[in-house]
Amino acid sequence: MAIKKYKPTTPWRRQMSGYTFDELTTSKPHKALTYWLSKNAWRNNTWRITVRHQWGWHKKLFRMIDFHYVDKLDIPAKVETIEYDPFRSAYISLICYNDWARRYILAHKDIKVGDVVITSATAKPISGNRMQVWNIPVWLSVHNVEIIVWKWASTVRSAWTSALILSQEGEYTQIKLPSGEIRLVHKNCYATIWVLSNTDHNQITIWKAWRSRWMWKRPTVLWKSMNPVDHPHGGWEWHSPIGMPYPKTPWGKPALWVKTRKRKDTNRWILRKRDWRLMKK
């Protein structure tokens, strides 16, 4: 996908870039698979901020993506459209099954209108097909990976991301995630073949602040630029050092280079952590 540069009609336009949307085939979503989300300004019923640095968004329809697939096993589906989804970085595709049911799925980077995809435990390992990981050849890229058997695809869903099948060992498959973590996944979990779409997503330059406000992002400042009442690092003058033996969160807990993972019951499924220096010995 190509990236367009805007003419410098204003100072804000000078460095801004956007999508050309050459790969998309329609701009109107399938109405039966959309609904409006209510805005809560990320506050609770007493109007206290519960999620920092977020506020509002541009008016947009939410597309219901199928991350389960299990009710349409062994039923071929034909790709009808390639569309833009404002709530995710990757593109989506509308597929129509042989029983005339329509679903939205995440689109891989080589998808085309008219392609036939299928979800089956023993499908052919071609782009777009979804199959159990035990049947996927080694060193093949996958996305939309299922971590828990028969739950839903919860991993590798961002634009231009993919996981790598490393080896098949008994009951489990070794998968290398985009973060570098190597994880054991049960052989009955499903994954979709190939890399996700929108490969130039990381090349987009936002440039102006109000474009970030469209994406529900509020302005953020450094912690040491705040007042003491707002953050432990606040106070002093200008950008002074934090004046503490170790960095802290806004709530006084240790921050930066501190382990935050608390689930120890799933450590057995991780062969290598994201940071190779933390690898198990």
C-alpha atoms as a PDB file:
ATOM      1  CA  MET A   1       0.000   0.000   0.000  1.00  0.00           C
ATOM      2  CA  ALA A   2       1.280   3.442  -0.905  1.00  0.00           C
ATOM      3  CA  ILE A   3       1.513   6.443   1.395  1.00  0.00           C
ATOM      4  CA  LYS A   4       0.458   9.899   0.283  1.00  0.00           C
ATOM      5  CA  LYS A   5       2.121  13.166   1.280  1.00  0.00           C
ATOM      6  CA  TYR A   6      -0.081  16.211   1.635  1.00  0.00           C
ATOM      7  CA  LYS A   7       0.660  19.524  -0.032  1.00  0.00           C
ATOM      8  CA  PRO A   8       2.032  22.072   2.476  1.00  0.00           C
ATOM      9  CA  THR A   9      -1.018  24.327   2.352  1.00  0.00           C
ATOM     10  CA  THR A  10      -0.631  24.927   6.118  1.00  0.00           C
ATOM     11  CA  PRO A  11       2.202  24.328   8.577  1.00  0.00           C
ATOM     12  CA  TRP A  12       0.273  21.317   9.910  1.00  0.00           C
ATOM     13  CA  ARG A  13       0.116  19.700   6.479  1.00  0.00           C
ATOM     14  CA  ARG A  14       3.811  19.999   5.750  1.00  0.00           C
ATOM     15  CA  GLN A  15       4.991  16.793   7.409  1.00  0.00           C
ATOM     16  CA  MET A  16       1.695  14.907   7.546  1.00  0.00           C
ATOM     17  CA  SER A  17       1.171  11.662   5.655  1.00  0.00           C
ATOM     18  CA  GLY A  18      -1.807   9.360   5.194  1.00  0.00           C
ATOM     19  CA  TYR A  19      -3.121   6.283   3.454  1.00  0.00           C
ATOM     20  CA  THR A  20      -3.994   6.086  -0.220  1.00  0.00           C
ATOM     21  CA  PHE A  21      -6.409   3.187   0.379  1.00  0.00           C
ATOM     22  CA  ASP A  22      -5.535   1.669  -3.007  1.00  0.00           C
ATOM     23  CA  GLU A  23      -6.180  -1.849  -1.737  1.00  0.00           C
ATOM     24  CA  LEU A  24      -9.707  -1.158  -0.532  1.00  0.00           C
ATOM     25  CA  THR A  25     -12.670  -2.104  -2.697  1.00  0.00           C
ATOM     26  CA  THR A  26     -15.519  -0.312  -0.900  1.00  0.00           C
ATOM     27  CA  SER A  27     -16.101   2.432   1.639  1.00  0.00           C
ATOM     28  CA  LYS A  28     -19.513   1.252   2.897  1.00  0.00           C
ATOM     29  CA  PRO A  29     -19.554  -1.481   5.556  1.00  0.00           C
ATOM     30  CA  HIS A  30     -22.021  -4.346   5.745  1.00  0.00           C
ATOM     31  CA  LYS A  31     -24.808  -2.804   7.836  1.00  0.00           C
ATOM     32  CA  ALA A  32     -25.850  -6.034   9.574  1.00  0.00           C
ATOM     33  CA  LEU A  33     -22.367  -6.407  11.086  1.00  0.00           C
ATOM     34  CA  THR A  34     -22.005  -2.876  12.486  1.00  0.00           C
ATOM     35  CA  TYR A  35     -23.269  -0.900  15.467  1.00  0.00           C
ATOM     36  CA  TRP A  36     -22.578   2.414  17.166  1.00  0.00           C
ATOM     37  CA  LEU A  37     -20.498   2.621  20.324  1.00  0.00           C
ATOM     38  CA  SER A  38     -21.530   5.047  23.042  1.00  0.00           C
ATOM     39  CA  LYS A  39     -19.006   7.595  24.267  1.00  0.00           C
ATOM     40  CA  ASN A  40     -18.245   7.672  27.984  1.00  0.00           C
ATOM     41  CA  ALA A  41     -15.195   9.986  27.885  1.00  0.00           C
ATOM     42  CA  TRP A  42     -13.351   7.210  29.801  1.00  0.00           C
ATOM     43  CA  ARG A  43     -14.959   8.289  33.066  1.00  0.00           C
ATOM     44  CA  ASN A  44     -17.166   6.461  35.537  1.00  0.00           C
ATOM     45  CA  ASN A  45     -20.626   7.309  36.858  1.00  0.00           C
ATOM     46  CA  THR A  46     -19.168   9.943  39.202  1.00  0.00           C
ATOM     47  CA  TRP A  47     -17.298  11.546  36.266  1.00  0.00           C
ATOM     48  CA  ARG A  48     -13.890  10.643  37.632  1.00  0.00           C
ATOM     49  CA  ILE A  49     -11.205   9.806  35.073  1.00  0.00           C
ATOM     50  CA  THR A  50     -10.672   6.041  35.041  1.00  0.00           C
ATOM     51  CA  VAL A  51      -8.383   5.861  31.984  1.00  0.00           C
ATOM     52  CA  ARG A  52      -5.810   8.618  31.679  1.00  0.00           C
ATOM     53  CA  HIS A  53      -4.871  10.438  28.494  1.00  0.00           C
ATOM     54  CA  GLN A  54      -7.989   9.397  26.590  1.00  0.00           C
ATOM     55  CA  TRP A  55     -11.006  11.453  25.616  1.00  0.00           C
ATOM     56  CA  GLY A  56     -13.653  11.108  22.923  1.00  0.00           C
ATOM     57  CA  TRP A  57     -13.156  10.025  19.341  1.00  0.00           C
ATOM     58  CA  HIS A  58     -14.314  10.651  15.842  1.00  0.00           C
ATOM     59  CA  LYS A  59     -17.774   9.318  15.094  1.00  0.00           C
ATOM     60  CA  LYS A  60     -17.378   5.844  13.615  1.00  0.00           C
ATOM     61  CA  LEU A  61     -19.111   2.490  13.267  1.00  0.00           C
ATOM     62  CA  PHE A  62     -17.823  -0.572  15.035  1.00  0.00           C
ATOM     63  CA  ARG A  63     -17.399  -3.636  12.806  1.00  0.00           C
ATOM     64  CA  MET A  64     -18.030  -7.026  14.401  1.00  0.00           C
ATOM     65  CA  ILE A  65     -15.038  -9.208  13.555  1.00  0.00           C
ATOM     66  CA  ASP A  66     -15.296 -12.987  13.763  1.00  0.00           C
ATOM     67  CA  PHE A  67     -12.455 -14.239  15.971  1.00  0.00           C
ATOM     68  CA  HIS A  68     -14.089 -17.614  16.764  1.00  0.00           C
ATOM     69  CA  TYR A  69     -14.594 -19.359  13.415  1.00  0.00           C
ATOM     70  CA  VAL A  70     -15.562 -22.625  15.140  1.00  0.00           C
ATOM     71  CA  ASP A  71     -19.195 -22.558  13.977  1.00  0.00           C
ATOM     72  CA  LYS A  72     -18.116 -22.452  10.315  1.00  0.00           C
ATOM     73  CA  LEU A  73     -15.672 -25.336  10.165  1.00  0.00           C
ATOM     74  CA  ASP A  74     -15.089 -26.975   6.757  1.00  0.00           C
ATOM     75  CA  ILE A  75     -17.350 -24.419   4.991  1.00  0.00           C
ATOM     76  CA  PRO A  76     -15.611 -22.525   2.146  1.00  0.00           C
ATOM     77  CA  ALA A  77     -16.079 -18.755   2.011  1.00  0.00           C
ATOM     78  CA  LYS A  78     -15.526 -16.263  -0.784  1.00  0.00           C
ATOM     79  CA  VAL A  79     -13.935 -12.860  -0.221  1.00  0.00           C
ATOM     80  CA  GLU A  80     -16.355 -10.109  -1.277  1.00  0.00           C
ATOM     81  CA  THR A  81     -14.720  -6.865  -0.127  1.00  0.00           C
ATOM     82  CA  ILE A  82     -11.569  -5.410   1.439  1.00  0.00           C
ATOM     83  CA  GLU A  83     -12.455  -2.606   3.834  1.00  0.00           C
ATOM     84  CA  TYR A  84     -10.996  -0.147   6.318  1.00  0.00           C
ATOM     85  CA  ASP A  85     -11.733  -0.547  10.003  1.00  0.00           C
ATOM     86  CA  PRO A  86     -11.343   2.620  12.109  1.00  0.00           C
ATOM     87  CA  PHE A  87     -10.930   0.604  15.302  1.00  0.00           C
ATOM     88  CA  ARG A  88      -7.907  -1.450  14.209  1.00  0.00           C
ATOM     89  CA  SER A  89      -4.720  -0.986  12.223  1.00  0.00           C
ATOM     90  CA  ALA A  90      -5.141  -3.961   9.867  1.00  0.00           C
ATOM     91  CA  TYR A  91      -7.705  -4.094   7.062  1.00  0.00           C
ATOM     92  CA  ILE A  92     -10.716  -6.377   7.187  1.00  0.00           C
ATOM     93  CA  SER A  93     -12.525  -8.469   4.593  1.00  0.00           C
ATOM     94  CA  LEU A  94     -16.165  -9.400   4.203  1.00  0.00           C
ATOM     95  CA  ILE A  95     -16.533 -13.072   3.346  1.00  0.00           C
ATOM     96  CA  CYS A  96     -19.605 -14.997   2.296  1.00  0.00           C
ATOM     97  CA  TYR A  97     -19.886 -18.682   3.206  1.00  0.00           C
ATOM     98  CA  ASN A  98     -21.583 -21.282   1.050  1.00  0.00           C
ATOM     99  CA  ASP A  99     -24.572 -21.129   3.396  1.00  0.00           C
ATOM    100  CA  TRP A 100     -24.885 -17.365   2.604  1.00  0.00           C
ATOM    101  CA  ALA A 101     -23.731 -16.272   6.044  1.00  0.00           C
ATOM    102  CA  ARG A 102     -21.464 -13.225   6.005  1.00  0.00           C
ATOM    103  CA  ARG A 103     -18.668 -12.462   8.439  1.00  0.00           C
ATOM    104  CA  TYR A 104     -15.849  -9.967   8.841  1.00  0.00           C
ATOM    105  CA  ILE A 105     -12.314 -11.345   9.174  1.00  0.00           C
ATOM    106  CA  LEU A 106      -8.863  -9.803   9.315  1.00  0.00           C
ATOM    107  CA  ALA A 107      -7.330  -9.475   5.849  1.00  0.00           C
ATOM    108  CA  HIS A 108      -3.847 -10.727   5.049  1.00  0.00           C
ATOM    109  CA  LYS A 109      -1.547  -8.648   2.878  1.00  0.00           C
ATOM    110  CA  ASP A 110      -2.080 -10.596  -0.377  1.00  0.00           C
ATOM    111  CA  ILE A 111      -5.853 -10.991  -0.174  1.00  0.00           C
ATOM    112  CA  LYS A 112      -7.959 -10.292  -3.272  1.00  0.00           C
ATOM    113  CA  VAL A 113     -11.662 -10.177  -4.004  1.00  0.00           C
ATOM    114  CA  GLY A 114     -12.812 -13.582  -5.212  1.00  0.00           C
ATOM    115  CA  ASP A 115     -10.353 -15.596  -3.124  1.00  0.00           C
ATOM    116  CA  VAL A 116     -11.739 -18.674  -1.382  1.00  0.00           C
ATOM    117  CA  VAL A 117     -10.760 -19.280   2.243  1.00  0.00           C
ATOM    118  CA  ILE A 118     -11.716 -22.044   4.619  1.00  0.00           C
ATOM    119  CA  THR A 119     -11.417 -22.875   8.309  1.00  0.00           C
ATOM    120  CA  SER A 120     -10.536 -26.528   8.770  1.00  0.00           C
ATOM    121  CA  ALA A 121      -8.212 -28.596  10.930  1.00  0.00           C
ATOM    122  CA  THR A 122      -6.632 -30.142   7.835  1.00  0.00           C
ATOM    123  CA  ALA A 123      -6.907 -27.311   5.300  1.00  0.00           C
ATOM    124  CA  LYS A 124      -4.191 -26.611   2.749  1.00  0.00           C
ATOM    125  CA  PRO A 125      -1.483 -24.250   4.083  1.00  0.00           C
ATOM    126  CA  ILE A 126      -2.208 -21.369   1.701  1.00  0.00           C
ATOM    127  CA  SER A 127      -2.706 -17.692   2.471  1.00  0.00           C
ATOM    128  CA  GLY A 128      -5.987 -16.937   4.242  1.00  0.00           C
ATOM    129  CA  ASN A 129      -6.821 -20.487   5.291  1.00  0.00           C
ATOM    130  CA  ARG A 130      -7.280 -21.118   8.997  1.00  0.00           C
ATOM    131  CA  MET A 131      -6.119 -24.425  10.394  1.00  0.00           C
ATOM    132  CA  GLN A 132      -4.869 -26.121  13.532  1.00  0.00           C
ATOM    133  CA  VAL A 133      -1.234 -25.359  14.277  1.00  0.00           C
ATOM    134  CA  TRP A 134      -0.161 -28.997  14.289  1.00  0.00           C
ATOM    135  CA  ASN A 135      -0.902 -29.139  10.562  1.00  0.00           C
ATOM    136  CA  ILE A 136       0.969 -25.925   9.662  1.00  0.00           C
ATOM    137  CA  PRO A 137       4.465 -26.457   8.176  1.00  0.00           C
ATOM    138  CA  VAL A 138       7.453 -25.200  10.126  1.00  0.00           C
ATOM    139  CA  TRP A 139       8.822 -21.697   9.325  1.00  0.00           C
ATOM    140  CA  LEU A 140       5.470 -20.504   8.002  1.00  0.00           C
ATOM    141  CA  SER A 141       4.083 -17.118   9.071  1.00  0.00           C
ATOM    142  CA  VAL A 142       0.677 -17.039  10.778  1.00  0.00           C
ATOM    143  CA  HIS A 143      -1.595 -14.474  12.416  1.00  0.00           C
ATOM    144  CA  ASN A 144      -4.812 -14.429  14.442  1.00  0.00           C
ATOM    145  CA  VAL A 145      -3.356 -17.067  16.736  1.00  0.00           C
ATOM    146  CA  GLU A 146      -5.495 -18.854  19.307  1.00  0.00           C
ATOM    147  CA  ILE A 147      -3.728 -19.307  22.662  1.00  0.00           C
ATOM    148  CA  ILE A 148      -6.479 -21.178  24.532  1.00  0.00           C
ATOM    149  CA  VAL A 149      -8.169 -24.089  22.766  1.00  0.00           C
ATOM    150  CA  TRP A 150     -11.675 -23.323  21.439  1.00  0.00           C
ATOM    151  CA  LYS A 151     -11.686 -19.814  22.863  1.00  0.00           C
ATOM    152  CA  TRP A 152     -10.908 -17.121  20.253  1.00  0.00           C
ATOM    153  CA  ALA A 153      -8.020 -15.673  18.315  1.00  0.00           C
ATOM    154  CA  SER A 154      -6.469 -13.243  20.771  1.00  0.00           C
ATOM    155  CA  THR A 155      -2.893 -12.820  19.550  1.00  0.00           C
ATOM    156  CA  VAL A 156      -1.115 -11.293  16.511  1.00  0.00           C
ATOM    157  CA  ARG A 157      -3.886  -9.062  15.179  1.00  0.00           C
ATOM    158  CA  SER A 158      -2.127  -5.743  14.405  1.00  0.00           C
ATOM    159  CA  ALA A 159      -1.151  -4.466  10.986  1.00  0.00           C
ATOM    160  CA  TRP A 160       1.840  -6.142   9.316  1.00  0.00           C
ATOM    161  CA  THR A 161       2.400  -8.586  12.159  1.00  0.00           C
ATOM    162  CA  SER A 162       2.885 -12.316  12.056  1.00  0.00           C
ATOM    163  CA  ALA A 163       4.061 -15.175  14.243  1.00  0.00           C
ATOM    164  CA  LEU A 164       6.432 -17.896  13.156  1.00  0.00           C
ATOM    165  CA  ILE A 165       5.950 -21.645  13.533  1.00  0.00           C
ATOM    166  CA  LEU A 166       9.257 -22.939  14.915  1.00  0.00           C
ATOM    167  CA  SER A 167       8.731 -26.617  15.667  1.00  0.00           C
ATOM    168  CA  GLN A 168       6.191 -29.333  16.377  1.00  0.00           C
ATOM    169  CA  GLU A 169       6.916 -31.207  19.577  1.00  0.00           C
ATOM    170  CA  GLY A 170       4.411 -33.758  20.788  1.00  0.00           C
ATOM    171  CA  GLU A 171       1.281 -32.110  22.141  1.00  0.00           C
ATOM    172  CA  TYR A 172       2.496 -28.539  21.648  1.00  0.00           C
ATOM    173  CA  THR A 173       3.794 -26.248  18.916  1.00  0.00           C
ATOM    174  CA  GLN A 174       6.518 -23.668  19.417  1.00  0.00           C
ATOM    175  CA  ILE A 175       5.497 -20.256  18.055  1.00  0.00           C
ATOM    176  CA  LYS A 176       7.668 -17.141  17.963  1.00  0.00           C
ATOM    177  CA  LEU A 177       5.478 -14.073  18.565  1.00  0.00           C
ATOM    178  CA  PRO A 178       6.220 -10.617  17.081  1.00  0.00           C
ATOM    179  CA  SER A 179       7.665  -9.489  20.427  1.00  0.00           C
ATOM    180  CA  GLY A 180      10.329 -12.214  20.221  1.00  0.00           C
ATOM    181  CA  GLU A 181       8.694 -14.371  22.868  1.00  0.00           C
ATOM    182  CA  ILE A 182       8.681 -18.087  22.115  1.00  0.00           C
ATOM    183  CA  ARG A 183       5.560 -19.751  23.444  1.00  0.00           C
ATOM    184  CA  LEU A 184       4.105 -23.236  23.543  1.00  0.00           C
ATOM    185  CA  VAL A 185       0.647 -23.453  21.975  1.00  0.00           C
ATOM    186  CA  HIS A 186      -1.553 -26.537  22.090  1.00  0.00           C
ATOM    187  CA  LYS A 187      -1.686 -28.364  18.787  1.00  0.00           C
ATOM    188  CA  ASN A 188      -5.487 -28.026  18.597  1.00  0.00           C
ATOM    189  CA  CYS A 189      -5.353 -24.211  18.573  1.00  0.00           C
ATOM    190  CA  TYR A 190      -6.147 -22.469  15.296  1.00  0.00           C
ATOM    191  CA  ALA A 191      -4.136 -19.893  13.364  1.00  0.00           C
ATOM    192  CA  THR A 192      -4.500 -18.166  10.002  1.00  0.00           C
ATOM    193  CA  ILE A 193      -1.804 -18.427   7.356  1.00  0.00           C
ATOM    194  CA  TRP A 194       0.353 -15.475   6.260  1.00  0.00           C
ATOM    195  CA  VAL A 195       1.077 -11.878   7.290  1.00  0.00           C
ATOM    196  CA  LEU A 196      -1.586  -9.287   8.093  1.00  0.00           C
ATOM    197  CA  SER A 197      -2.419  -6.388   5.767  1.00  0.00           C
ATOM    198  CA  ASN A 198      -1.594  -2.656   5.852  1.00  0.00           C
ATOM    199  CA  THR A 199       2.165  -3.151   5.739  1.00  0.00           C
ATOM    200  CA  ASP A 200       2.948   0.605   5.738  1.00  0.00           C
ATOM    201  CA  HIS A 201       1.043   1.401   8.900  1.00  0.00           C
ATOM    202  CA  ASN A 202       4.210   2.252  10.832  1.00  0.00           C
ATOM    203  CA  GLN A 203       5.274   4.779   8.180  1.00  0.00           C
ATOM    204  CA  ILE A 204       2.345   7.149   8.791  1.00  0.00           C
ATOM    205  CA  THR A 205       3.197  10.536  10.316  1.00  0.00           C
ATOM    206  CA  ILE A 206       0.434  11.949  12.519  1.00  0.00           C
ATOM    207  CA  TRP A 207       2.212  15.324  12.976  1.00  0.00           C
ATOM    208  CA  LYS A 208      -0.594  17.460  14.411  1.00  0.00           C
ATOM    209  CA  ALA A 209      -2.190  17.129  17.819  1.00  0.00           C
ATOM    210  CA  TRP A 210      -5.802  17.317  16.745  1.00  0.00           C
ATOM    211  CA  ARG A 211      -5.374  14.279  14.526  1.00  0.00           C
ATOM    212  CA  SER A 212      -4.392  12.412  17.673  1.00  0.00           C
ATOM    213  CA  ARG A 213      -7.557  13.693  19.341  1.00  0.00           C
ATOM    214  CA  TRP A 214      -9.549  11.988  16.592  1.00  0.00           C
ATOM    215  CA  MET A 215      -7.968   8.766  17.855  1.00  0.00           C
ATOM    216  CA  TRP A 216      -9.107   9.544  21.450  1.00  0.00           C
ATOM    217  CA  LYS A 217      -5.621  10.546  22.669  1.00  0.00           C
ATOM    218  CA  ARG A 218      -5.302  13.428  25.098  1.00  0.00           C
ATOM    219  CA  PRO A 219      -2.110  15.488  25.464  1.00  0.00           C
ATOM    220  CA  THR A 220       0.577  14.014  27.709  1.00  0.00           C
ATOM    221  CA  VAL A 221       3.451  15.676  29.537  1.00  0.00           C
ATOM    222  CA  LEU A 222       6.491  14.299  31.326  1.00  0.00           C
ATOM    223  CA  TRP A 223       6.000  13.270  34.930  1.00  0.00           C
ATOM    224  CA  LYS A 224       8.684  15.659  36.161  1.00  0.00           C
ATOM    225  CA  SER A 225       6.818  18.509  34.451  1.00  0.00           C
ATOM    226  CA  MET A 226       3.838  18.049  36.779  1.00  0.00           C
ATOM    227  CA  ASN A 227       3.161  19.484  40.198  1.00  0.00           C
ATOM    228  CA  PRO A 228       3.913  17.455  43.353  1.00  0.00           C
ATOM    229  CA  VAL A 229       0.197  16.953  43.911  1.00  0.00           C
ATOM    230  CA  ASP A 230      -0.133  15.241  40.530  1.00  0.00           C
ATOM    231  CA  HIS A 231       2.911  12.963  40.503  1.00  0.00           C
ATOM    232  CA  PRO A 232       5.752  11.896  42.850  1.00  0.00           C
ATOM    233  CA  HIS A 233       8.269  13.189  40.278  1.00  0.00           C
ATOM    234  CA  GLY A 234       6.607  16.591  40.121  1.00  0.00           C
ATOM    235  CA  GLY A 235       7.900  19.830  41.580  1.00  0.00           C
ATOM    236  CA  TRP A 236      11.233  21.638  41.581  1.00  0.00           C
ATOM    237  CA  GLU A 237      11.922  23.909  38.621  1.00  0.00           C
ATOM    238  CA  TRP A 238      11.821  23.175  34.935  1.00  0.00           C
ATOM    239  CA  HIS A 239      13.154  19.696  34.062  1.00  0.00           C
ATOM    240  CA  SER A 240      15.065  18.823  37.193  1.00  0.00           C
ATOM    241  CA  PRO A 241      15.963  15.238  38.082  1.00  0.00           C
ATOM    242  CA  ILE A 242      13.261  13.268  39.838  1.00  0.00           C
ATOM    243  CA  GLY A 243      15.203  13.439  43.118  1.00  0.00           C
ATOM    244  CA  MET A 244      14.393   9.876  44.155  1.00  0.00           C
ATOM    245  CA  PRO A 245      16.382   6.659  44.412  1.00  0.00           C
ATOM    246  CA  TYR A 246      14.133   4.960  41.835  1.00  0.00           C
ATOM    247  CA  PRO A 247      11.316   6.063  39.460  1.00  0.00           C
ATOM    248  CA  LYS A 248       7.734   5.792  40.652  1.00  0.00           C
ATOM    249  CA  THR A 249       4.315   5.558  39.101  1.00  0.00           C
ATOM    250  CA  PRO A 250       1.683   8.260  39.751  1.00  0.00           C
ATOM    251  CA  TRP A 251       0.483   6.047  42.617  1.00  0.00           C
ATOM    252  CA  GLY A 252       3.882   5.666  44.277  1.00  0.00           C
ATOM    253  CA  LYS A 253       4.816   2.177  43.101  1.00  0.00           C
ATOM    254  CA  PRO A 254       8.177   1.327  41.466  1.00  0.00           C
ATOM    255  CA  ALA A 255       8.285   2.010  37.730  1.00  0.00           C
ATOM    256  CA  LEU A 256      10.638   1.331  34.788  1.00  0.00           C
ATOM    257  CA  TRP A 257      12.619  -1.902  34.573  1.00  0.00           C
ATOM    258  CA  VAL A 258      10.272  -3.531  37.066  1.00  0.00           C
ATOM    259  CA  LYS A 259       8.603  -6.848  36.370  1.00  0.00           C
ATOM    260  CA  THR A 260       4.836  -6.404  36.187  1.00  0.00           C
ATOM    261  CA  ARG A 261       3.848  -9.907  35.143  1.00  0.00           C
ATOM    262  CA  LYS A 262       1.857 -11.552  37.952  1.00  0.00           C
ATOM    263  CA  ARG A 263       0.467 -14.684  36.296  1.00  0.00           C
ATOM    264  CA  LYS A 264       2.854 -17.454  37.268  1.00  0.00           C
ATOM    265  CA  ASP A 265       0.514 -20.279  36.260  1.00  0.00           C
ATOM    266  CA  THR A 266       1.227 -19.621  32.562  1.00  0.00           C
ATOM    267  CA  ASN A 267       5.027 -19.344  32.841  1.00  0.00           C
ATOM    268  CA  ARG A 268       5.348 -22.995  31.846  1.00  0.00           C
ATOM    269  CA  TRP A 269       4.088 -22.135  28.355  1.00  0.00           C
ATOM    270  CA  ILE A 270       6.798 -19.500  27.791  1.00  0.00           C
ATOM    271  CA  LEU A 271      10.107 -20.932  26.582  1.00  0.00           C
ATOM    272  CA  ARG A 272      11.792 -17.574  26.002  1.00  0.00           C
ATOM    273  CA  LYS A 273      10.701 -14.182  27.255  1.00  0.00           C
ATOM    274  CA  ARG A 274      10.557 -11.070  25.122  1.00  0.00           C
ATOM    275  CA  ASP A 275      13.919  -9.990  26.537  1.00  0.00           C
ATOM    276  CA  TRP A 276      16.502 -12.709  25.900  1.00  0.00           C
ATOM    277  CA  ARG A 277      18.347 -11.646  29.068  1.00  0.00           C
ATOM    278  CA  LEU A 278      15.346 -12.864  31.085  1.00  0.00           C
ATOM    279  CA  MET A 279      15.368 -16.277  29.429  1.00  0.00           C
ATOM    280  CA  LYS A 280      14.876 -19.258  31.708  1.00  0.00           C
ATOM    281  CA  LYS A 281      18.053 -21.080  32.694  1.00  0.00           C
END
